[in-house]
């Protein structure tokens, strides 16, 4: 298992990434994380604000 695939590690990256002034792509590049992995964990963790809006439409 790669370090960036550890759920706890990715939670920390998501928190730091959102607090940084970097774009998601720039944060991923700087930290050696594949952007699709970051997006996956971001969506799974519930830190995606528009998900609630979308689910209310369904």
N, C-alpha and C. Protein backbone atom coordinates (compact mmCIF):
# COMPACT_ATOMS: atom_id res chain seq x y z
N UNK A 1 0.85 -1.19 0.00
CA UNK A 1 0.00 0.00 0.00
C UNK A 1 0.89 1.24 0.00
N UNK A 2 0.60 2.12 -0.90
CA UNK A 2 1.35 3.37 -0.95
C UNK A 2 0.94 4.27 0.21
N UNK A 3 1.85 5.12 0.68
CA UNK A 3 1.52 5.99 1.82
C UNK A 3 0.31 6.88 1.56
N UNK A 4 0.13 7.31 0.31
CA UNK A 4 -0.99 8.21 0.04
C UNK A 4 -2.31 7.48 -0.02
N UNK A 5 -2.31 6.15 0.05
CA UNK A 5 -3.55 5.39 0.04
C UNK A 5 -4.05 5.08 1.45
N UNK A 6 -3.31 5.46 2.45
CA UNK A 6 -3.73 5.27 3.82
C UNK A 6 -4.79 6.33 4.14
N UNK A 7 -5.94 5.91 4.60
CA UNK A 7 -7.06 6.82 4.83
C UNK A 7 -6.71 7.95 5.80
N UNK A 8 -6.06 7.62 6.89
CA UNK A 8 -5.70 8.64 7.88
C UNK A 8 -4.71 9.65 7.29
N UNK A 9 -3.76 9.16 6.52
CA UNK A 9 -2.79 10.04 5.88
C UNK A 9 -3.49 10.98 4.90
N UNK A 10 -4.42 10.43 4.13
CA UNK A 10 -5.12 11.25 3.15
C UNK A 10 -6.04 12.27 3.82
N UNK A 11 -6.62 11.92 4.95
CA UNK A 11 -7.44 12.89 5.68
C UNK A 11 -6.59 14.10 6.07
N UNK A 12 -5.37 13.85 6.50
CA UNK A 12 -4.46 14.94 6.84
C UNK A 12 -4.12 15.78 5.62
N UNK A 13 -3.88 15.12 4.49
CA UNK A 13 -3.59 15.85 3.26
C UNK A 13 -4.78 16.70 2.82
N UNK A 14 -5.97 16.18 2.95
CA UNK A 14 -7.16 16.93 2.56
C UNK A 14 -7.29 18.18 3.42
N UNK A 15 -7.10 18.03 4.72
CA UNK A 15 -7.18 19.17 5.63
C UNK A 15 -6.12 20.21 5.29
N UNK A 16 -4.89 19.76 5.10
CA UNK A 16 -3.80 20.69 4.76
C UNK A 16 -4.00 21.31 3.39
N UNK A 17 -4.49 20.52 2.45
CA UNK A 17 -4.71 21.03 1.10
C UNK A 17 -5.77 22.11 1.06
N UNK A 18 -6.83 21.94 1.83
CA UNK A 18 -7.89 22.94 1.86
C UNK A 18 -7.44 24.19 2.59
N UNK A 19 -6.55 24.05 3.56
CA UNK A 19 -6.07 25.20 4.31
C UNK A 19 -4.98 25.97 3.56
N UNK A 20 -4.38 25.32 2.59
CA UNK A 20 -3.31 25.99 1.84
C UNK A 20 -3.89 26.93 0.79
N UNK A 21 -3.03 27.77 0.27
CA UNK A 21 -3.44 28.68 -0.80
C UNK A 21 -3.24 28.07 -2.18
N UNK A 22 -2.89 26.79 -2.21
CA UNK A 22 -2.61 26.11 -3.47
C UNK A 22 -3.88 25.53 -4.08
N UNK A 23 -3.84 25.37 -5.39
CA UNK A 23 -4.93 24.64 -6.04
C UNK A 23 -4.76 23.17 -5.70
N UNK A 24 -5.79 22.39 -5.93
CA UNK A 24 -5.71 20.97 -5.64
C UNK A 24 -4.59 20.33 -6.47
N UNK A 25 -4.50 20.69 -7.74
CA UNK A 25 -3.46 20.13 -8.61
C UNK A 25 -2.06 20.50 -8.11
N UNK A 26 -1.88 21.75 -7.70
CA UNK A 26 -0.57 22.19 -7.22
C UNK A 26 -0.22 21.49 -5.90
N UNK A 27 -1.19 21.34 -5.01
CA UNK A 27 -0.94 20.66 -3.74
C UNK A 27 -0.54 19.21 -3.99
N UNK A 28 -1.25 18.55 -4.88
CA UNK A 28 -0.94 17.16 -5.19
C UNK A 28 0.46 17.02 -5.78
N UNK A 29 0.80 17.90 -6.70
CA UNK A 29 2.13 17.85 -7.32
C UNK A 29 3.22 18.07 -6.28
N UNK A 30 3.01 19.04 -5.41
CA UNK A 30 3.99 19.37 -4.38
C UNK A 30 4.20 18.23 -3.38
N UNK A 31 3.13 17.44 -3.15
CA UNK A 31 3.19 16.38 -2.14
C UNK A 31 3.28 14.98 -2.74
N UNK A 32 3.41 14.90 -4.07
CA UNK A 32 3.57 13.60 -4.71
C UNK A 32 2.34 12.72 -4.65
N UNK A 33 1.18 13.34 -4.71
CA UNK A 33 -0.09 12.61 -4.65
C UNK A 33 -0.74 12.67 -6.03
N UNK A 34 -1.27 11.56 -6.48
CA UNK A 34 -1.98 11.56 -7.75
C UNK A 34 -3.31 12.29 -7.54
N UNK A 35 -3.62 13.25 -8.41
CA UNK A 35 -4.84 14.05 -8.22
C UNK A 35 -6.12 13.23 -8.11
N UNK A 36 -6.22 12.13 -8.85
CA UNK A 36 -7.45 11.34 -8.77
C UNK A 36 -7.58 10.63 -7.41
N UNK A 37 -6.45 10.30 -6.79
CA UNK A 37 -6.48 9.71 -5.45
C UNK A 37 -6.94 10.76 -4.44
N UNK A 38 -6.41 11.98 -4.55
CA UNK A 38 -6.82 13.06 -3.66
C UNK A 38 -8.32 13.32 -3.81
N UNK A 39 -8.80 13.38 -5.04
CA UNK A 39 -10.23 13.63 -5.29
C UNK A 39 -11.09 12.53 -4.71
N UNK A 40 -10.65 11.29 -4.87
CA UNK A 40 -11.40 10.16 -4.33
C UNK A 40 -11.59 10.30 -2.82
N UNK A 41 -10.49 10.51 -2.11
CA UNK A 41 -10.57 10.63 -0.66
C UNK A 41 -11.32 11.88 -0.23
N UNK A 42 -11.22 12.93 -1.00
CA UNK A 42 -11.96 14.15 -0.69
C UNK A 42 -13.46 13.89 -0.80
N UNK A 43 -13.87 13.17 -1.83
CA UNK A 43 -15.29 12.84 -2.00
C UNK A 43 -15.78 11.86 -0.94
N UNK A 44 -14.98 10.88 -0.63
CA UNK A 44 -15.35 9.86 0.36
C UNK A 44 -15.44 10.45 1.76
N UNK A 45 -14.58 11.42 2.06
CA UNK A 45 -14.52 11.97 3.41
C UNK A 45 -15.67 12.92 3.72
N UNK A 46 -16.43 13.31 2.72
CA UNK A 46 -17.54 14.23 2.96
C UNK A 46 -17.13 15.68 3.00
N UNK A 47 -15.91 15.98 2.60
CA UNK A 47 -15.44 17.36 2.59
C UNK A 47 -15.73 18.06 1.27
N UNK A 48 -16.72 17.60 0.59
CA UNK A 48 -17.08 18.18 -0.69
C UNK A 48 -18.43 18.85 -0.52
N UNK A 49 -18.46 20.16 -0.32
CA UNK A 49 -19.68 20.85 0.05
C UNK A 49 -20.85 20.69 -0.93
N UNK A 50 -20.57 20.57 -2.22
CA UNK A 50 -21.67 20.52 -3.16
C UNK A 50 -22.37 19.17 -3.21
N UNK A 51 -21.83 18.15 -2.54
CA UNK A 51 -22.47 16.84 -2.54
C UNK A 51 -23.84 16.91 -1.88
N UNK A 52 -23.97 17.65 -0.78
CA UNK A 52 -25.25 17.78 -0.12
C UNK A 52 -26.29 18.43 -1.03
N UNK A 53 -25.86 19.42 -1.78
CA UNK A 53 -26.76 20.10 -2.70
C UNK A 53 -27.23 19.16 -3.80
N UNK A 54 -26.31 18.33 -4.32
CA UNK A 54 -26.66 17.40 -5.37
C UNK A 54 -27.59 16.32 -4.87
N UNK A 55 -27.35 15.80 -3.68
CA UNK A 55 -28.17 14.71 -3.16
C UNK A 55 -29.60 15.19 -2.88
N UNK A 56 -29.77 16.47 -2.61
CA UNK A 56 -31.11 16.97 -2.36
C UNK A 56 -31.92 17.08 -3.65
N UNK A 57 -31.22 17.08 -4.79
CA UNK A 57 -31.90 17.14 -6.07
C UNK A 57 -32.43 15.78 -6.50
N UNK A 58 -31.86 14.73 -5.96
CA UNK A 58 -32.23 13.37 -6.37
C UNK A 58 -33.46 12.90 -5.65
